[in-house]
Amino acid sequence: MALVIDYLQSGPLAGVDAAQEWMLQDLPVDPIEICSVAQALVVRPADVPALGLPAHRLDERNIRSVRELLAVLAQLYPEPLHRPRPSAMRVVGTSRHAAVLASTLLRARGFPARVRAGFVTRGGHVTGKDLWGTEYWNSREQRWIRTHTEVQSHEATGANLALGGFLSGGEAWQQYRGGLLTQNGHEYAETDQALGPIEISYTTVRDLAALCQVEMLPDDMWGRMAQVHAGRTPAAYDNLIDVTASACARGNTADLARLFSMADLAVPRHMLS
């Protein structure tokens, strides 16, 4: 069956069980406020020791589905999601967790929404820090509005949902291929600078998957990713990433679905269980 992309409906990882719908009651009506609610449901793995949480809670960062995220949140603090919760009662995760939760909450309020995979930008350069954002459809302006829900330190006050400081994987790839980004321009804290194009290639594929409503984890690998890391992919694969980045920029759902059906780009079914 052909993939049908409907951003008002959830994909396989972002659905909510009927028994969990009470958690989505009384959400704000403003989409930015909805994204702020999602951001406040997640705490960074780096904050686990300071919060005195047991080490096994770090496993929560590997949760893929919203159903499981909501199950953890309900067990920790059985209140609707819009109510403020202590940091220790939030799920341990990344901006990907916050972004996929935000997309789910936005849809619950009637906003078409989708997740984007990309990078933090600083000083005109893409850094090595991956970042996941959320886009919602503004029907009045007839355009997608991008926010990002980078998880703040539990000691931080206020949510940073600024529109700047983010490039999707495909946007970063197009800039790299156009000579606007160089390997030396990547500020990687823990990886070799030469890995810049590799990471951008990975993230372009992850962004395609997210646009096709399959919001994978930041470390998930499939298709040709392992070969890319080993430097064993033919030049034709870079050309396929060019096509993918262009399709992600256009956002035509038929083109996205067609690309996502290709063996080199599709997420294996076993990774969605």
Protein backbone atom coordinates (compact mmCIF):
# COMPACT_ATOMS: atom_id res chain seq x y z
CA MET A 1 0.00 0.00 0.00
CA ALA A 2 1.36 3.44 -0.93
CA LEU A 3 2.38 5.74 1.90
CA VAL A 4 -0.14 8.50 2.52
CA ILE A 5 1.23 11.51 4.40
CA ASP A 6 -1.35 13.46 6.38
CA TYR A 7 0.14 15.91 8.85
CA LEU A 8 -3.12 16.20 10.74
CA GLN A 9 -2.82 12.50 11.57
CA SER A 10 -0.06 10.77 13.49
CA GLY A 11 2.40 8.34 11.97
CA PRO A 12 3.30 4.96 13.49
CA LEU A 13 5.47 6.43 16.27
CA ALA A 14 3.37 9.44 17.29
CA GLY A 15 -0.05 7.92 17.92
CA VAL A 16 -1.90 8.05 21.24
CA ASP A 17 -4.01 5.28 22.74
CA ALA A 18 -7.61 6.11 23.64
CA ALA A 19 -6.80 5.39 27.28
CA GLN A 20 -4.16 8.15 27.19
CA GLU A 21 -6.30 10.93 25.72
CA TRP A 22 -7.10 12.35 29.16
CA MET A 23 -3.48 13.49 29.35
CA LEU A 24 -4.06 15.82 26.38
CA GLN A 25 -7.04 17.61 27.91
CA ASP A 26 -7.07 21.40 28.34
CA LEU A 27 -3.99 22.07 26.24
CA PRO A 28 -3.29 25.71 25.30
CA VAL A 29 -4.80 26.95 22.05
CA ASP A 30 -1.71 28.87 20.93
CA PRO A 31 0.71 26.61 19.03
CA ILE A 32 3.83 28.15 20.57
CA GLU A 33 2.40 27.58 24.03
CA ILE A 34 1.64 23.99 23.04
CA CYS A 35 5.28 23.51 22.04
CA SER A 36 6.34 24.98 25.39
CA VAL A 37 4.22 22.34 27.14
CA ALA A 38 6.04 19.61 25.20
CA GLN A 39 9.43 21.09 26.01
CA ALA A 40 8.59 21.02 29.73
CA LEU A 41 7.89 17.27 29.59
CA VAL A 42 11.52 16.33 28.92
CA VAL A 43 14.71 16.57 30.96
CA ARG A 44 18.21 16.13 29.55
CA PRO A 45 20.24 12.96 30.23
CA ALA A 46 23.02 15.21 31.56
CA ASP A 47 20.69 16.32 34.36
CA VAL A 48 20.02 12.82 35.67
CA PRO A 49 22.79 12.89 38.33
CA ALA A 50 21.91 16.40 39.56
CA LEU A 51 18.26 15.38 39.93
CA GLY A 52 19.22 12.28 41.89
CA LEU A 53 17.50 9.98 39.40
CA PRO A 54 18.47 6.31 39.16
CA ALA A 55 20.79 5.46 36.28
CA HIS A 56 18.23 3.18 34.64
CA ARG A 57 16.11 6.24 33.83
CA LEU A 58 18.67 7.03 31.11
CA ASP A 59 17.06 4.23 29.10
CA GLU A 60 14.11 6.56 28.50
CA ARG A 61 16.15 8.44 25.90
CA ASN A 62 15.84 5.34 23.67
CA ILE A 63 12.03 5.39 23.64
CA ARG A 64 10.70 5.84 20.13
CA SER A 65 6.92 5.90 20.43
CA VAL A 66 4.75 8.62 21.93
CA ARG A 67 2.56 5.94 23.48
CA GLU A 68 5.49 4.72 25.56
CA LEU A 69 6.60 8.26 26.39
CA LEU A 70 3.11 9.06 27.65
CA ALA A 71 3.06 5.84 29.67
CA VAL A 72 6.26 6.89 31.44
CA LEU A 73 4.97 10.42 32.03
CA ALA A 74 1.69 9.14 33.44
CA GLN A 75 3.46 6.75 35.77
CA LEU A 76 5.80 9.46 37.03
CA TYR A 77 3.17 12.16 37.49
CA PRO A 78 -0.45 11.21 36.72
CA GLU A 79 -1.66 14.66 35.70
CA PRO A 80 -2.65 16.18 32.34
CA LEU A 81 0.38 17.23 30.36
CA HIS A 82 -0.30 20.97 30.50
CA ARG A 83 0.12 21.08 34.27
CA PRO A 84 3.61 22.04 35.52
CA ARG A 85 5.55 19.02 36.70
CA PRO A 86 8.76 18.73 38.73
CA SER A 87 11.89 18.11 36.67
CA ALA A 88 12.33 14.66 38.19
CA MET A 89 8.87 13.72 36.92
CA ARG A 90 9.73 14.44 33.30
CA VAL A 91 10.86 11.85 30.79
CA VAL A 92 14.62 11.69 30.19
CA GLY A 93 15.28 12.45 26.56
CA THR A 94 16.43 14.75 23.81
CA SER A 95 15.03 17.43 21.56
CA ARG A 96 13.69 14.59 19.41
CA HIS A 97 11.44 13.51 22.29
CA ALA A 98 10.21 17.07 22.80
CA ALA A 99 9.64 17.56 19.06
CA VAL A 100 7.61 14.39 18.58
CA LEU A 101 5.56 15.15 21.69
CA ALA A 102 4.97 18.68 20.40
CA SER A 103 3.75 17.37 17.05
CA THR A 104 1.33 15.04 18.83
CA LEU A 105 -0.04 17.81 21.05
CA LEU A 106 -0.38 20.19 18.10
CA ARG A 107 -2.42 17.64 16.17
CA ALA A 108 -4.60 17.08 19.21
CA ARG A 109 -5.44 20.80 19.00
CA GLY A 110 -6.18 20.59 15.27
CA PHE A 111 -2.87 21.89 13.88
CA PRO A 112 -1.19 19.87 11.11
CA ALA A 113 2.32 19.27 12.41
CA ARG A 114 5.54 17.54 11.44
CA VAL A 115 8.96 16.92 12.96
CA ARG A 116 12.26 18.06 11.42
CA ALA A 117 15.75 16.65 12.04
CA GLY A 118 18.69 19.03 11.83
CA PHE A 119 21.49 20.85 13.57
CA VAL A 120 22.19 23.78 15.82
CA THR A 121 23.79 26.64 13.90
CA ARG A 122 26.18 29.11 15.42
CA GLY A 123 27.97 32.00 13.76
CA GLY A 124 26.77 30.92 10.34
CA HIS A 125 28.13 27.39 10.75
CA VAL A 126 26.47 24.06 11.45
CA THR A 127 27.71 22.64 14.73
CA GLY A 128 27.98 18.99 15.68
CA LYS A 129 24.97 19.25 17.95
CA ASP A 130 21.90 17.65 16.44
CA LEU A 131 18.59 19.37 17.02
CA TRP A 132 15.03 18.30 16.28
CA GLY A 133 12.30 20.83 15.67
CA THR A 134 8.58 20.97 15.01
CA GLU A 135 6.67 22.72 12.23
CA TYR A 136 2.97 23.52 12.36
CA TRP A 137 0.76 24.72 9.53
CA ASN A 138 -0.52 28.29 9.78
CA SER A 139 -3.73 28.20 7.73
CA ARG A 140 -4.11 31.98 7.71
CA GLU A 141 -0.62 32.58 6.32
CA GLN A 142 -0.62 29.33 4.31
CA ARG A 143 2.85 28.32 5.42
CA TRP A 144 4.73 26.12 7.84
CA ILE A 145 5.95 27.79 11.03
CA ARG A 146 9.10 26.29 12.49
CA THR A 147 9.88 26.07 16.18
CA HIS A 148 12.48 24.11 18.03
CA THR A 149 12.09 22.57 21.44
CA GLU A 150 15.68 22.14 22.55
CA VAL A 151 15.61 20.62 26.02
CA GLN A 152 16.82 23.11 28.60
CA SER A 153 18.79 22.38 31.73
CA HIS A 154 16.43 21.73 34.64
CA GLU A 155 17.95 24.83 36.25
CA ALA A 156 17.09 27.07 33.28
CA THR A 157 14.06 29.32 33.35
CA GLY A 158 11.93 30.05 30.32
CA ALA A 159 11.62 28.16 27.06
CA ASN A 160 13.76 28.99 24.05
CA LEU A 161 11.60 28.49 20.99
CA ALA A 162 13.42 30.96 18.75
CA LEU A 163 13.19 30.39 15.01
CA GLY A 164 16.91 30.96 14.44
CA GLY A 165 19.81 28.63 15.19
CA PHE A 166 18.50 25.63 13.23
CA LEU A 167 19.05 24.04 9.84
CA SER A 168 17.32 20.85 8.76
CA GLY A 169 19.53 18.06 7.52
CA GLY A 170 18.59 18.73 3.91
CA GLU A 171 19.20 22.48 4.25
CA ALA A 172 22.64 21.80 5.71
CA TRP A 173 23.40 19.31 2.93
CA GLN A 174 22.45 21.80 0.23
CA GLN A 175 24.71 24.42 1.79
CA TYR A 176 27.56 21.93 2.06
CA ARG A 177 27.21 20.77 -1.55
CA GLY A 178 26.99 24.39 -2.67
CA GLY A 179 30.31 25.19 -1.01
CA LEU A 180 28.71 27.43 1.61
CA LEU A 181 29.86 25.13 4.41
CA THR A 182 33.29 23.61 4.76
CA GLN A 183 34.50 20.81 6.99
CA ASN A 184 36.46 23.32 9.04
CA GLY A 185 33.28 25.27 9.62
CA HIS A 186 31.80 22.45 11.68
CA GLU A 187 32.32 22.87 15.39
CA TYR A 188 32.32 19.32 16.68
CA ALA A 189 33.00 18.95 20.37
CA GLU A 190 33.50 15.19 20.44
CA THR A 191 33.98 14.04 16.85
CA ASP A 192 36.47 14.52 14.06
CA GLN A 193 35.71 17.58 11.94
CA ALA A 194 35.98 15.40 8.82
CA LEU A 195 32.78 13.64 9.88
CA GLY A 196 30.77 16.79 9.12
CA PRO A 197 29.46 15.77 5.67
CA ILE A 198 28.76 12.25 6.94
CA GLU A 199 26.63 13.52 9.80
CA ILE A 200 24.81 15.87 7.45
CA SER A 201 24.10 12.99 5.05
CA TYR A 202 22.70 10.88 7.92
CA THR A 203 20.53 13.71 9.12
CA THR A 204 19.12 14.41 5.67
CA VAL A 205 17.82 10.83 5.61
CA ARG A 206 16.46 11.21 9.15
CA ASP A 207 14.73 14.42 8.10
CA LEU A 208 13.12 12.64 5.15
CA ALA A 209 11.87 9.93 7.50
CA ALA A 210 10.45 12.56 9.88
CA LEU A 211 8.69 14.33 7.01
CA CYS A 212 7.19 10.94 6.16
CA GLN A 213 5.95 10.73 9.77
CA VAL A 214 8.54 8.20 10.94
CA GLU A 215 10.40 10.13 13.63
CA MET A 216 13.45 8.01 14.44
CA LEU A 217 15.97 8.44 17.26
CA PRO A 218 19.08 10.58 16.70
CA ASP A 219 21.37 7.52 16.76
CA ASP A 220 19.22 5.22 14.62
CA MET A 221 20.96 3.97 11.48
CA TRP A 222 19.52 2.16 8.46
CA GLY A 223 19.90 1.92 4.70
CA ARG A 224 23.36 3.02 3.58
CA MET A 225 24.27 4.91 6.76
CA ALA A 226 26.85 2.37 7.95
CA GLN A 227 28.48 2.38 4.50
CA VAL A 228 28.54 6.18 4.51
CA HIS A 229 30.33 6.12 7.86
CA ALA A 230 32.90 3.68 6.46
CA GLY A 231 33.37 5.77 3.31
CA ARG A 232 32.19 2.92 1.07
CA THR A 233 29.23 4.52 -0.70
CA PRO A 234 29.39 5.36 -4.42
CA ALA A 235 29.17 8.95 -5.61
CA ALA A 236 25.67 8.12 -6.86
CA TYR A 237 24.51 7.93 -3.25
CA ASP A 238 25.54 11.55 -2.69
CA ASN A 239 23.46 12.38 -5.74
CA LEU A 240 20.52 10.59 -4.12
CA ILE A 241 21.02 12.72 -1.00
CA ASP A 242 20.97 15.78 -3.29
CA VAL A 243 17.57 14.67 -4.59
CA THR A 244 16.38 13.94 -1.05
CA ALA A 245 17.45 17.35 0.25
CA SER A 246 15.68 19.04 -2.64
CA ALA A 247 12.49 17.05 -2.02
CA CYS A 248 12.59 17.91 1.68
CA ALA A 249 12.89 21.60 0.77
CA ARG A 250 9.90 21.45 -1.59
CA GLY A 251 7.82 19.41 0.84
CA ASN A 252 5.67 17.78 -1.85
CA THR A 253 4.23 14.77 -0.05
CA ALA A 254 4.05 12.58 -3.17
CA ASP A 255 7.77 13.13 -3.87
CA LEU A 256 8.66 12.49 -0.24
CA ALA A 257 6.65 9.26 -0.14
CA ARG A 258 8.22 8.05 -3.38
CA LEU A 259 11.74 8.61 -2.08
CA PHE A 260 10.92 7.04 1.26
CA SER A 261 9.83 3.86 -0.52
CA MET A 262 13.38 3.33 -1.83
CA ALA A 263 15.42 0.61 -0.15
CA ASP A 264 18.35 2.96 0.55
CA LEU A 265 16.12 5.42 2.42
CA ALA A 266 13.19 3.52 3.91
CA VAL A 267 13.17 2.68 7.62
CA PRO A 268 13.01 -1.11 8.09
CA ARG A 269 9.72 -2.31 9.50
CA HIS A 270 11.41 -4.04 12.44
CA MET A 271 12.62 -0.67 13.73
CA LEU A 272 9.04 0.56 14.14
CA SER A 273 7.92 -2.11 16.61
